[in-house]
Amino acid sequence: MLSEVDKWSQKYTWFRKMTVCFLVILISSVIGFFLTLSSAFISTACLIISFLSVLGIRIGLGKMDEFKSLYVNTVPMINPEKDFKEGRSLAENEELMLSKDVSVAEVEAALEALVEEGQQLTQIEEIVVINESSQIEDVEVTELEEIQEETEATELEETQEETEATKLEETQEETEATELEETQEETEVTEVEETQEETEAEKLDDVQEESAQQTLSLEEQVFETIKMILRMNHCEVENLSFKTVGKYLTIYLKSRVMMRLKLTGRKHYVLTYLSQAEVEALGLVFDTPAKSEAYTSRVQFTSIAVLAQLEAQIVELYNRLVK
């Protein structure tokens, strides 16, 4: 069986070996990281292994420092270089320890060497961390530059699109305004021309009518005016005729008397069936007819315009005969 001192020495040796193993793993992973930068997966795995190795080295160095401060300096009989085996007796272990004759100074020197190795490992770890940070910063800067370039390109495209859309809208508005102005001008010119043509046609018609009236007798003018009034009220005038019988101008519808007018002598009038109130309501002059005339009223005839005021009466007389 091992003594308590031998167990402490055995634990110290085990932690030292563990630290050395983690150191080897750390160095291998760092070398692998730099050799596999092209592969993101492998380089990430190397970084993770390096991180775990650093943790293992720190734990091992911490335990070694703990053993050194608690046992090695206080119990000089501990020999970390001793090869302990459970199968040996206490006497054999003591003989082996005496044969090796390891001094406390050599143990301390070995521990100091291990501490220096731990410090070197810490420096290596810091270098690795700095390299990782630099690479991350380079990646972030590159990504930031790419994002800025994409943003600028997008803004430039949007600005160009907005400018083109604005120019297109302005061009369309100008074109529409120009077309509208041209259409309005053409419409106005057309309307003016049509108005002038209508005015000239009306003047020509008036002149022709005046000329015709000047050539027609009063009886013919009255007859043509009555025909025009009936046409305006959608009446057929093909069967109308007139004849002067005695002192009266008689208008016939076929062979039946439609109305009579007196256009000779001192008094000129139109015979109607209107009452005095109806005649005066039309703004005309009423006169009592003779018993032999068999009409209700005489309407003083001063001009052709009187017939236009009697339009309703003329149409009514026409409708009586048609029915």
C-alpha atoms as a PDB file:
ATOM      1  CA  MET A   1       0.000   0.000   0.000  1.00  0.00           C
ATOM      2  CA  LEU A   2       1.111   3.541  -0.772  1.00  0.00           C
ATOM      3  CA  SER A   3       1.631   5.997   1.965  1.00  0.00           C
ATOM      4  CA  GLU A   4      -0.175   9.308   2.122  1.00  0.00           C
ATOM      5  CA  VAL A   5       2.939  11.116   0.904  1.00  0.00           C
ATOM      6  CA  ASP A   6       3.278   8.758  -2.043  1.00  0.00           C
ATOM      7  CA  LYS A   7      -0.358   9.370  -3.016  1.00  0.00           C
ATOM      8  CA  TRP A   8       0.240  13.094  -3.009  1.00  0.00           C
ATOM      9  CA  SER A   9       3.318  12.653  -5.230  1.00  0.00           C
ATOM     10  CA  GLN A  10       1.383  10.381  -7.571  1.00  0.00           C
ATOM     11  CA  LYS A  11      -1.434  12.972  -7.983  1.00  0.00           C
ATOM     12  CA  TYR A  12       1.090  15.707  -8.705  1.00  0.00           C
ATOM     13  CA  THR A  13       2.715  13.575 -11.410  1.00  0.00           C
ATOM     14  CA  TRP A  14      -0.649  12.783 -12.953  1.00  0.00           C
ATOM     15  CA  PHE A  15      -1.655  16.459 -13.193  1.00  0.00           C
ATOM     16  CA  ARG A  16       1.681  17.320 -14.779  1.00  0.00           C
ATOM     17  CA  LYS A  17       1.224  14.666 -17.464  1.00  0.00           C
ATOM     18  CA  MET A  18      -2.313  15.882 -18.092  1.00  0.00           C
ATOM     19  CA  THR A  19      -1.028  19.457 -18.547  1.00  0.00           C
ATOM     20  CA  VAL A  20       1.619  18.270 -21.027  1.00  0.00           C
ATOM     21  CA  CYS A  21      -1.022  16.347 -23.024  1.00  0.00           C
ATOM     22  CA  PHE A  22      -3.274  19.391 -23.225  1.00  0.00           C
ATOM     23  CA  LEU A  23      -0.277  21.471 -24.303  1.00  0.00           C
ATOM     24  CA  VAL A  24       0.423  19.081 -27.167  1.00  0.00           C
ATOM     25  CA  ILE A  25      -3.249  19.162 -28.178  1.00  0.00           C
ATOM     26  CA  LEU A  26      -3.242  22.982 -28.077  1.00  0.00           C
ATOM     27  CA  ILE A  27      -0.171  23.254 -30.296  1.00  0.00           C
ATOM     28  CA  SER A  28      -1.634  20.718 -32.764  1.00  0.00           C
ATOM     29  CA  SER A  29      -4.994  22.520 -32.933  1.00  0.00           C
ATOM     30  CA  VAL A  30      -3.324  25.923 -33.482  1.00  0.00           C
ATOM     31  CA  ILE A  31      -1.224  24.503 -36.322  1.00  0.00           C
ATOM     32  CA  GLY A  32      -4.342  22.818 -37.760  1.00  0.00           C
ATOM     33  CA  PHE A  33      -6.288  26.083 -37.574  1.00  0.00           C
ATOM     34  CA  PHE A  34      -3.755  27.966 -39.687  1.00  0.00           C
ATOM     35  CA  LEU A  35      -3.502  25.103 -42.173  1.00  0.00           C
ATOM     36  CA  THR A  36      -7.286  24.771 -42.635  1.00  0.00           C
ATOM     37  CA  LEU A  37      -8.406  28.380 -42.906  1.00  0.00           C
ATOM     38  CA  SER A  38     -10.093  27.566 -46.232  1.00  0.00           C
ATOM     39  CA  SER A  39     -12.496  25.200 -44.455  1.00  0.00           C
ATOM     40  CA  ALA A  40     -14.778  27.005 -42.043  1.00  0.00           C
ATOM     41  CA  PHE A  41     -15.957  23.822 -40.314  1.00  0.00           C
ATOM     42  CA  ILE A  42     -12.475  22.381 -39.613  1.00  0.00           C
ATOM     43  CA  SER A  43     -11.020  25.735 -38.538  1.00  0.00           C
ATOM     44  CA  THR A  44     -13.962  26.250 -36.163  1.00  0.00           C
ATOM     45  CA  ALA A  45     -13.399  22.786 -34.698  1.00  0.00           C
ATOM     46  CA  CYS A  46      -9.693  23.575 -34.193  1.00  0.00           C
ATOM     47  CA  LEU A  47     -10.603  26.773 -32.357  1.00  0.00           C
ATOM     48  CA  ILE A  48     -12.988  24.888 -30.076  1.00  0.00           C
ATOM     49  CA  ILE A  49     -10.338  22.234 -29.339  1.00  0.00           C
ATOM     50  CA  SER A  50      -7.787  25.003 -28.639  1.00  0.00           C
ATOM     51  CA  PHE A  51     -10.167  26.637 -26.209  1.00  0.00           C
ATOM     52  CA  LEU A  52     -10.814  23.357 -24.380  1.00  0.00           C
ATOM     53  CA  SER A  53      -7.075  22.616 -24.304  1.00  0.00           C
ATOM     54  CA  VAL A  54      -6.355  26.006 -22.739  1.00  0.00           C
ATOM     55  CA  LEU A  55      -8.959  25.280 -20.079  1.00  0.00           C
ATOM     56  CA  GLY A  56      -7.340  21.881 -19.393  1.00  0.00           C
ATOM     57  CA  ILE A  57      -3.870  23.453 -19.167  1.00  0.00           C
ATOM     58  CA  ARG A  58      -5.107  26.070 -16.756  1.00  0.00           C
ATOM     59  CA  ILE A  59      -6.759  23.448 -14.584  1.00  0.00           C
ATOM     60  CA  GLY A  60      -3.590  21.298 -14.589  1.00  0.00           C
ATOM     61  CA  LEU A  61      -1.304  24.215 -13.742  1.00  0.00           C
ATOM     62  CA  GLY A  62      -3.664  25.316 -11.012  1.00  0.00           C
ATOM     63  CA  LYS A  63      -3.645  21.870  -9.414  1.00  0.00           C
ATOM     64  CA  MET A  64       0.148  21.668  -9.704  1.00  0.00           C
ATOM     65  CA  ASP A  65       0.523  25.055  -8.005  1.00  0.00           C
ATOM     66  CA  GLU A  66      -1.875  23.916  -5.319  1.00  0.00           C
ATOM     67  CA  PHE A  67       0.083  20.719  -4.658  1.00  0.00           C
ATOM     68  CA  LYS A  68       3.343  22.620  -4.697  1.00  0.00           C
ATOM     69  CA  SER A  69       2.184  25.211  -2.180  1.00  0.00           C
ATOM     70  CA  LEU A  70       0.401  22.743   0.106  1.00  0.00           C
ATOM     71  CA  TYR A  71       2.570  19.634   0.058  1.00  0.00           C
ATOM     72  CA  VAL A  72       5.867  19.851  -1.819  1.00  0.00           C
ATOM     73  CA  ASN A  73       7.198  22.893   0.101  1.00  0.00           C
ATOM     74  CA  THR A  74       5.867  21.638   3.423  1.00  0.00           C
ATOM     75  CA  VAL A  75       6.670  17.915   3.013  1.00  0.00           C
ATOM     76  CA  PRO A  76      10.183  17.565   1.511  1.00  0.00           C
ATOM     77  CA  MET A  77       9.841  13.801   1.275  1.00  0.00           C
ATOM     78  CA  ILE A  78       7.464  14.088  -1.733  1.00  0.00           C
ATOM     79  CA  ASN A  79       9.189  13.130  -4.949  1.00  0.00           C
ATOM     80  CA  PRO A  80       7.074  14.008  -8.068  1.00  0.00           C
ATOM     81  CA  GLU A  81       9.450  12.009 -10.274  1.00  0.00           C
ATOM     82  CA  LYS A  82       8.867   8.820  -8.326  1.00  0.00           C
ATOM     83  CA  ASP A  83       7.341   5.876 -10.187  1.00  0.00           C
ATOM     84  CA  PHE A  84       4.639   4.603  -7.860  1.00  0.00           C
ATOM     85  CA  LYS A  85       3.064   1.219  -8.149  1.00  0.00           C
ATOM     86  CA  GLU A  86       0.389  -0.258  -5.995  1.00  0.00           C
ATOM     87  CA  GLY A  87       1.908  -3.727  -6.106  1.00  0.00           C
ATOM     88  CA  ARG A  88       5.195  -2.753  -4.368  1.00  0.00           C
ATOM     89  CA  SER A  89       5.706  -2.822  -0.722  1.00  0.00           C
ATOM     90  CA  LEU A  90       6.408   0.177   1.394  1.00  0.00           C
ATOM     91  CA  ALA A  91      10.047  -0.854   1.804  1.00  0.00           C
ATOM     92  CA  GLU A  92      10.576  -1.233  -1.930  1.00  0.00           C
ATOM     93  CA  ASN A  93       9.026   2.183  -2.582  1.00  0.00           C
ATOM     94  CA  GLU A  94      11.311   3.705   0.029  1.00  0.00           C
ATOM     95  CA  GLU A  95      14.356   2.028  -1.500  1.00  0.00           C
ATOM     96  CA  LEU A  96      13.413   3.339  -4.946  1.00  0.00           C
ATOM     97  CA  MET A  97      12.955   6.798  -3.523  1.00  0.00           C
ATOM     98  CA  LEU A  98      16.371   6.674  -1.830  1.00  0.00           C
ATOM     99  CA  SER A  99      18.053   5.277  -4.971  1.00  0.00           C
ATOM    100  CA  LYS A 100      16.896   8.107  -7.109  1.00  0.00           C
ATOM    101  CA  ASP A 101      18.068  10.594  -4.514  1.00  0.00           C
ATOM    102  CA  VAL A 102      16.106  13.493  -5.870  1.00  0.00           C
ATOM    103  CA  SER A 103      16.668  16.639  -3.899  1.00  0.00           C
ATOM    104  CA  VAL A 104      14.040  19.181  -2.995  1.00  0.00           C
ATOM    105  CA  ALA A 105      15.916  21.775  -5.051  1.00  0.00           C
ATOM    106  CA  GLU A 106      15.554  19.684  -8.204  1.00  0.00           C
ATOM    107  CA  VAL A 107      11.821  19.282  -7.564  1.00  0.00           C
ATOM    108  CA  GLU A 108      11.455  23.016  -7.156  1.00  0.00           C
ATOM    109  CA  ALA A 109      13.427  23.574 -10.369  1.00  0.00           C
ATOM    110  CA  ALA A 110      11.128  21.181 -12.235  1.00  0.00           C
ATOM    111  CA  LEU A 111       8.058  22.921 -10.854  1.00  0.00           C
ATOM    112  CA  GLU A 112       9.438  26.308 -11.886  1.00  0.00           C
ATOM    113  CA  ALA A 113      10.034  24.936 -15.387  1.00  0.00           C
ATOM    114  CA  LEU A 114       6.435  23.777 -15.487  1.00  0.00           C
ATOM    115  CA  VAL A 115       5.256  27.193 -14.340  1.00  0.00           C
ATOM    116  CA  GLU A 116       7.300  28.816 -17.114  1.00  0.00           C
ATOM    117  CA  GLU A 117       5.734  26.400 -19.585  1.00  0.00           C
ATOM    118  CA  GLY A 118       2.307  27.413 -18.262  1.00  0.00           C
ATOM    119  CA  GLN A 119       3.147  31.081 -18.734  1.00  0.00           C
ATOM    120  CA  GLN A 120       4.279  30.357 -22.290  1.00  0.00           C
ATOM    121  CA  LEU A 121       1.048  28.515 -22.909  1.00  0.00           C
ATOM    122  CA  THR A 122      -0.866  31.503 -21.545  1.00  0.00           C
ATOM    123  CA  GLN A 123       1.011  33.787 -23.943  1.00  0.00           C
ATOM    124  CA  ILE A 124       0.262  31.432 -26.815  1.00  0.00           C
ATOM    125  CA  GLU A 125      -3.401  31.480 -25.806  1.00  0.00           C
ATOM    126  CA  GLU A 126      -3.421  35.271 -25.751  1.00  0.00           C
ATOM    127  CA  ILE A 127      -1.810  35.340 -29.225  1.00  0.00           C
ATOM    128  CA  VAL A 128      -4.457  32.921 -30.516  1.00  0.00           C
ATOM    129  CA  VAL A 129      -7.239  35.025 -29.001  1.00  0.00           C
ATOM    130  CA  ILE A 130      -5.740  38.188 -30.536  1.00  0.00           C
ATOM    131  CA  ASN A 131      -5.501  36.478 -33.941  1.00  0.00           C
ATOM    132  CA  GLU A 132      -9.094  35.326 -33.656  1.00  0.00           C
ATOM    133  CA  SER A 133     -10.217  38.838 -32.709  1.00  0.00           C
ATOM    134  CA  SER A 134      -8.258  40.320 -35.640  1.00  0.00           C
ATOM    135  CA  GLN A 135      -9.805  37.835 -38.041  1.00  0.00           C
ATOM    136  CA  ILE A 136     -13.283  38.530 -36.669  1.00  0.00           C
ATOM    137  CA  GLU A 137     -12.689  42.264 -36.936  1.00  0.00           C
ATOM    138  CA  ASP A 138     -11.434  41.832 -40.528  1.00  0.00           C
ATOM    139  CA  VAL A 139     -14.531  39.792 -41.379  1.00  0.00           C
ATOM    140  CA  GLU A 140     -16.812  42.353 -39.733  1.00  0.00           C
ATOM    141  CA  VAL A 141     -15.086  45.226 -41.555  1.00  0.00           C
ATOM    142  CA  THR A 142     -15.372  43.366 -44.864  1.00  0.00           C
ATOM    143  CA  GLU A 143     -19.052  42.603 -44.257  1.00  0.00           C
ATOM    144  CA  LEU A 144     -19.680  46.211 -43.239  1.00  0.00           C
ATOM    145  CA  GLU A 145     -18.004  47.485 -46.403  1.00  0.00           C
ATOM    146  CA  GLU A 146     -20.064  45.082 -48.532  1.00  0.00           C
ATOM    147  CA  ILE A 147     -23.267  46.170 -46.783  1.00  0.00           C
ATOM    148  CA  GLN A 148     -22.389  49.843 -47.311  1.00  0.00           C
ATOM    149  CA  GLU A 149     -21.638  49.216 -50.994  1.00  0.00           C
ATOM    150  CA  GLU A 150     -24.938  47.355 -51.429  1.00  0.00           C
ATOM    151  CA  THR A 151     -26.815  50.136 -49.614  1.00  0.00           C
ATOM    152  CA  GLU A 152     -25.207  52.826 -51.767  1.00  0.00           C
ATOM    153  CA  ALA A 153     -25.947  50.851 -54.940  1.00  0.00           C
ATOM    154  CA  THR A 154     -29.590  50.361 -53.855  1.00  0.00           C
ATOM    155  CA  GLU A 155     -30.002  54.057 -53.021  1.00  0.00           C
ATOM    156  CA  LEU A 156     -28.442  55.010 -56.360  1.00  0.00           C
ATOM    157  CA  GLU A 157     -30.816  52.691 -58.243  1.00  0.00           C
ATOM    158  CA  GLU A 158     -33.839  54.029 -56.324  1.00  0.00           C
ATOM    159  CA  THR A 159     -32.750  57.618 -57.025  1.00  0.00           C
ATOM    160  CA  GLN A 160     -32.351  56.857 -60.723  1.00  0.00           C
ATOM    161  CA  GLU A 161     -35.755  55.157 -60.853  1.00  0.00           C
ATOM    162  CA  GLU A 162     -37.424  58.080 -59.070  1.00  0.00           C
ATOM    163  CA  THR A 163     -35.715  60.553 -61.427  1.00  0.00           C
ATOM    164  CA  GLU A 164     -36.811  58.600 -64.500  1.00  0.00           C
ATOM    165  CA  ALA A 165     -40.371  58.286 -63.160  1.00  0.00           C
ATOM    166  CA  THR A 166     -40.486  62.033 -62.425  1.00  0.00           C
ATOM    167  CA  LYS A 167     -39.218  62.889 -65.900  1.00  0.00           C
ATOM    168  CA  LEU A 168     -41.716  60.508 -67.477  1.00  0.00           C
ATOM    169  CA  GLU A 169     -44.609  62.010 -65.509  1.00  0.00           C
ATOM    170  CA  GLU A 170     -43.533  65.548 -66.425  1.00  0.00           C
ATOM    171  CA  THR A 171     -43.261  64.563 -70.085  1.00  0.00           C
ATOM    172  CA  GLN A 172     -46.719  62.959 -69.996  1.00  0.00           C
ATOM    173  CA  GLU A 173     -48.217  66.004 -68.279  1.00  0.00           C
ATOM    174  CA  GLU A 174     -46.622  68.339 -70.817  1.00  0.00           C
ATOM    175  CA  THR A 175     -47.838  66.152 -73.677  1.00  0.00           C
ATOM    176  CA  GLU A 176     -51.369  65.988 -72.250  1.00  0.00           C
ATOM    177  CA  ALA A 177     -51.402  69.741 -71.629  1.00  0.00           C
ATOM    178  CA  THR A 178     -50.174  70.401 -75.176  1.00  0.00           C
ATOM    179  CA  GLU A 179     -52.738  68.031 -76.666  1.00  0.00           C
ATOM    180  CA  LEU A 180     -55.498  69.564 -74.520  1.00  0.00           C
ATOM    181  CA  GLU A 181     -54.533  73.075 -75.589  1.00  0.00           C
ATOM    182  CA  GLU A 182     -54.418  72.032 -79.227  1.00  0.00           C
ATOM    183  CA  THR A 183     -57.781  70.290 -78.909  1.00  0.00           C
ATOM    184  CA  GLN A 184     -59.300  73.329 -77.220  1.00  0.00           C
ATOM    185  CA  GLU A 185     -57.894  75.624 -79.867  1.00  0.00           C
ATOM    186  CA  GLU A 186     -59.189  73.366 -82.637  1.00  0.00           C
ATOM    187  CA  THR A 187     -62.578  73.134 -80.913  1.00  0.00           C
ATOM    188  CA  GLU A 188     -62.764  76.888 -80.489  1.00  0.00           C
ATOM    189  CA  VAL A 189     -61.758  77.453 -84.102  1.00  0.00           C
ATOM    190  CA  THR A 190     -64.312  74.880 -85.252  1.00  0.00           C
ATOM    191  CA  GLU A 191     -67.049  76.423 -83.101  1.00  0.00           C
ATOM    192  CA  VAL A 192     -66.218  79.888 -84.367  1.00  0.00           C
ATOM    193  CA  GLU A 193     -66.288  78.671 -87.936  1.00  0.00           C
ATOM    194  CA  GLU A 194     -69.582  76.823 -87.383  1.00  0.00           C
ATOM    195  CA  THR A 195     -71.055  79.875 -85.654  1.00  0.00           C
ATOM    196  CA  GLN A 196     -69.950  82.067 -88.507  1.00  0.00           C
ATOM    197  CA  GLU A 197     -71.387  79.643 -91.027  1.00  0.00           C
ATOM    198  CA  GLU A 198     -74.678  79.428 -89.111  1.00  0.00           C
ATOM    199  CA  THR A 199     -74.817  83.200 -88.799  1.00  0.00           C
ATOM    200  CA  GLU A 200     -74.150  83.608 -92.484  1.00  0.00           C
ATOM    201  CA  ALA A 201     -76.771  80.933 -93.297  1.00  0.00           C
ATOM    202  CA  GLU A 202     -79.318  82.628 -91.049  1.00  0.00           C
ATOM    203  CA  LYS A 203     -78.568  85.964 -92.586  1.00  0.00           C
ATOM    204  CA  LEU A 204     -78.888  84.441 -96.013  1.00  0.00           C
ATOM    205  CA  ASP A 205     -82.219  82.813 -95.054  1.00  0.00           C
ATOM    206  CA  ASP A 206     -83.461  86.096 -93.602  1.00  0.00           C
ATOM    207  CA  VAL A 207     -82.428  87.920 -96.729  1.00  0.00           C
ATOM    208  CA  GLN A 208     -84.107  85.293 -98.875  1.00  0.00           C
ATOM    209  CA  GLU A 209     -87.252  85.419 -96.748  1.00  0.00           C
ATOM    210  CA  GLU A 210     -87.286  89.198 -96.857  1.00  0.00           C
ATOM    211  CA  SER A 211     -86.769  89.095-100.570  1.00  0.00           C
ATOM    212  CA  ALA A 212     -89.504  86.493-100.942  1.00  0.00           C
ATOM    213  CA  GLN A 213     -91.830  88.482 -98.697  1.00  0.00           C
ATOM    214  CA  GLN A 214     -91.111  91.572-100.643  1.00  0.00           C
ATOM    215  CA  THR A 215     -92.112  89.748-103.804  1.00  0.00           C
ATOM    216  CA  LEU A 216     -95.175  88.038-102.161  1.00  0.00           C
ATOM    217  CA  SER A 217     -98.452  89.762-101.528  1.00  0.00           C
ATOM    218  CA  LEU A 218     -99.797  90.203 -97.983  1.00  0.00           C
ATOM    219  CA  GLU A 219    -102.211  87.282 -98.423  1.00  0.00           C
ATOM    220  CA  GLU A 220     -99.391  85.006 -99.598  1.00  0.00           C
ATOM    221  CA  GLN A 221     -97.171  86.091 -96.717  1.00  0.00           C
ATOM    222  CA  VAL A 222     -99.970  85.288 -94.224  1.00  0.00           C
ATOM    223  CA  PHE A 223    -100.547  81.887 -95.802  1.00  0.00           C
ATOM    224  CA  GLU A 224     -96.816  81.003 -95.759  1.00  0.00           C
ATOM    225  CA  THR A 225     -96.572  82.096 -92.133  1.00  0.00           C
ATOM    226  CA  ILE A 226     -99.522  79.865 -91.126  1.00  0.00           C
ATOM    227  CA  LYS A 227     -97.942  76.940 -92.969  1.00  0.00           C
ATOM    228  CA  MET A 228     -94.636  77.538 -91.151  1.00  0.00           C
ATOM    229  CA  ILE A 229     -96.417  77.613 -87.751  1.00  0.00           C
ATOM    230  CA  LEU A 230     -98.164  74.306 -88.498  1.00  0.00           C
ATOM    231  CA  ARG A 231     -94.921  72.681 -89.687  1.00  0.00           C
ATOM    232  CA  MET A 232     -93.248  73.668 -86.421  1.00  0.00           C
ATOM    233  CA  ASN A 233     -96.049  71.820 -84.589  1.00  0.00           C
ATOM    234  CA  HIS A 234     -95.648  68.697 -86.764  1.00  0.00           C
ATOM    235  CA  CYS A 235     -98.757  69.258 -88.821  1.00  0.00           C
ATOM    236  CA  GLU A 236     -99.129  68.285 -92.439  1.00  0.00           C
ATOM    237  CA  VAL A 237     -99.577  71.310 -94.683  1.00  0.00           C
ATOM    238  CA  GLU A 238     -99.850  69.643 -98.112  1.00  0.00           C
ATOM    239  CA  ASN A 239    -103.654  69.977 -98.098  1.00  0.00           C
ATOM    240  CA  LEU A 240    -103.686  73.626 -97.058  1.00  0.00           C
ATOM    241  CA  SER A 241    -104.839  76.282 -99.495  1.00  0.00           C
ATOM    242  CA  PHE A 242    -106.174  79.856 -99.388  1.00  0.00           C
ATOM    243  CA  LYS A 243    -108.640  81.921-101.332  1.00  0.00           C
ATOM    244  CA  THR A 244    -109.981  85.448-101.117  1.00  0.00           C
ATOM    245  CA  VAL A 245    -113.755  85.293-100.773  1.00  0.00           C
ATOM    246  CA  GLY A 246    -115.356  88.744-100.731  1.00  0.00           C
ATOM    247  CA  LYS A 247    -113.404  90.813 -98.196  1.00  0.00           C
ATOM    248  CA  TYR A 248    -111.993  87.806 -96.286  1.00  0.00           C
ATOM    249  CA  LEU A 249    -108.853  85.729 -96.784  1.00  0.00           C
ATOM    250  CA  THR A 250    -110.020  82.152 -96.143  1.00  0.00           C
ATOM    251  CA  ILE A 251    -107.616  79.311 -95.276  1.00  0.00           C
ATOM    252  CA  TYR A 252    -108.831  75.850 -96.320  1.00  0.00           C
ATOM    253  CA  LEU A 253    -107.840  72.400 -95.125  1.00  0.00           C
ATOM    254  CA  LYS A 254    -108.811  70.357 -98.106  1.00  0.00           C
ATOM    255  CA  SER A 255    -112.254  71.780 -98.827  1.00  0.00           C
ATOM    256  CA  ARG A 256    -113.168  72.840 -95.275  1.00  0.00           C
ATOM    257  CA  VAL A 257    -112.678  76.350 -93.869  1.00  0.00           C
ATOM    258  CA  MET A 258    -109.980  76.437 -91.201  1.00  0.00           C
ATOM    259  CA  MET A 259    -109.781  80.197 -90.423  1.00  0.00           C
ATOM    260  CA  ARG A 260    -110.484  83.641 -91.850  1.00  0.00           C
ATOM    261  CA  LEU A 261    -108.707  86.987 -91.867  1.00  0.00           C
ATOM    262  CA  LYS A 262    -109.679  90.433 -93.152  1.00  0.00           C
ATOM    263  CA  LEU A 263    -106.759  92.133 -94.803  1.00  0.00           C
ATOM    264  CA  THR A 264    -108.555  94.742 -96.897  1.00  0.00           C
ATOM    265  CA  GLY A 265    -110.287  97.977 -95.989  1.00  0.00           C
ATOM    266  CA  ARG A 266    -109.708 100.182 -92.996  1.00  0.00           C
ATOM    267  CA  LYS A 267    -109.656  97.462 -90.331  1.00  0.00           C
ATOM    268  CA  HIS A 268    -107.430  94.390 -90.531  1.00  0.00           C
ATOM    269  CA  TYR A 269    -108.141  91.535 -88.107  1.00  0.00           C
ATOM    270  CA  VAL A 270    -108.109  87.791 -87.521  1.00  0.00           C
ATOM    271  CA  LEU A 271    -111.309  85.984 -86.606  1.00  0.00           C
ATOM    272  CA  THR A 272    -110.832  83.588 -83.632  1.00  0.00           C
ATOM    273  CA  TYR A 273    -112.794  81.617 -81.036  1.00  0.00           C
ATOM    274  CA  LEU A 274    -110.861  83.207 -78.147  1.00  0.00           C
ATOM    275  CA  SER A 275    -112.638  85.190 -75.451  1.00  0.00           C
ATOM    276  CA  GLN A 276    -111.804  88.801 -74.691  1.00  0.00           C
ATOM    277  CA  ALA A 277    -109.774  87.823 -71.604  1.00  0.00           C
ATOM    278  CA  GLU A 278    -107.754  85.270 -73.579  1.00  0.00           C
ATOM    279  CA  VAL A 279    -107.010  87.794 -76.308  1.00  0.00           C
ATOM    280  CA  GLU A 280    -105.905  90.440 -73.837  1.00  0.00           C
ATOM    281  CA  ALA A 281    -103.831  87.845 -71.962  1.00  0.00           C
ATOM    282  CA  LEU A 282    -101.854  87.369 -75.175  1.00  0.00           C
ATOM    283  CA  GLY A 283    -101.203  91.117 -75.317  1.00  0.00           C
ATOM    284  CA  LEU A 284    -103.404  91.584 -78.385  1.00  0.00           C
ATOM    285  CA  VAL A 285    -106.234  94.019 -79.137  1.00  0.00           C
ATOM    286  CA  PHE A 286    -109.750  92.587 -78.845  1.00  0.00           C
ATOM    287  CA  ASP A 287    -112.708  93.696 -80.975  1.00  0.00           C
ATOM    288  CA  THR A 288    -116.291  92.400 -81.053  1.00  0.00           C
ATOM    289  CA  PRO A 289    -117.092  90.546 -84.295  1.00  0.00           C
ATOM    290  CA  ALA A 290    -120.221  91.039 -86.381  1.00  0.00           C
ATOM    291  CA  LYS A 291    -123.086  88.568 -85.954  1.00  0.00           C
ATOM    292  CA  SER A 292    -122.664  87.427 -89.535  1.00  0.00           C
ATOM    293  CA  GLU A 293    -119.014  86.434 -88.944  1.00  0.00           C
ATOM    294  CA  ALA A 294    -119.982  83.595 -86.500  1.00  0.00           C
ATOM    295  CA  TYR A 295    -116.723  83.931 -84.509  1.00  0.00           C
ATOM    296  CA  THR A 296    -116.152  84.899 -80.882  1.00  0.00           C
ATOM    297  CA  SER A 297    -113.617  87.649 -81.339  1.00  0.00           C
ATOM    298  CA  ARG A 298    -111.690  89.843 -83.686  1.00  0.00           C
ATOM    299  CA  VAL A 299    -107.950  90.165 -83.083  1.00  0.00           C
ATOM    300  CA  GLN A 300    -106.483  93.275 -84.560  1.00  0.00           C
ATOM    301  CA  PHE A 301    -103.929  92.426 -87.264  1.00  0.00           C
ATOM    302  CA  THR A 302    -101.058  94.878 -87.209  1.00  0.00           C
ATOM    303  CA  SER A 303     -98.277  92.683 -88.646  1.00  0.00           C
ATOM    304  CA  ILE A 304     -97.271  89.099 -89.391  1.00  0.00           C
ATOM    305  CA  ALA A 305     -96.030  88.844 -85.775  1.00  0.00           C
ATOM    306  CA  VAL A 306     -99.654  88.668 -84.581  1.00  0.00           C
ATOM    307  CA  LEU A 307     -99.935  85.211 -86.157  1.00  0.00           C
ATOM    308  CA  ALA A 308     -96.996  83.991 -84.081  1.00  0.00           C
ATOM    309  CA  GLN A 309     -98.833  85.070 -80.906  1.00  0.00           C
ATOM    310  CA  LEU A 310    -101.904  83.172 -82.115  1.00  0.00           C
ATOM    311  CA  GLU A 311     -99.906  79.978 -82.690  1.00  0.00           C
ATOM    312  CA  ALA A 312    -101.901  77.899 -80.179  1.00  0.00           C
ATOM    313  CA  GLN A 313    -105.220  79.051 -81.694  1.00  0.00           C
ATOM    314  CA  ILE A 314    -104.068  78.208 -85.244  1.00  0.00           C
ATOM    315  CA  VAL A 315    -102.973  74.696 -84.182  1.00  0.00           C
ATOM    316  CA  GLU A 316    -106.262  74.177 -82.360  1.00  0.00           C
ATOM    317  CA  LEU A 317    -108.252  75.153 -85.460  1.00  0.00           C
ATOM    318  CA  TYR A 318    -106.182  72.707 -87.480  1.00  0.00           C
ATOM    319  CA  ASN A 319    -106.741  69.872 -84.992  1.00  0.00           C
ATOM    320  CA  ARG A 320    -110.531  70.474 -85.013  1.00  0.00           C
ATOM    321  CA  LEU A 321    -110.689  69.754 -88.703  1.00  0.00           C
ATOM    322  CA  VAL A 322    -108.322  66.794 -88.575  1.00  0.00           C
ATOM    323  CA  LYS A 323    -110.379  65.044 -85.919  1.00  0.00           C
END
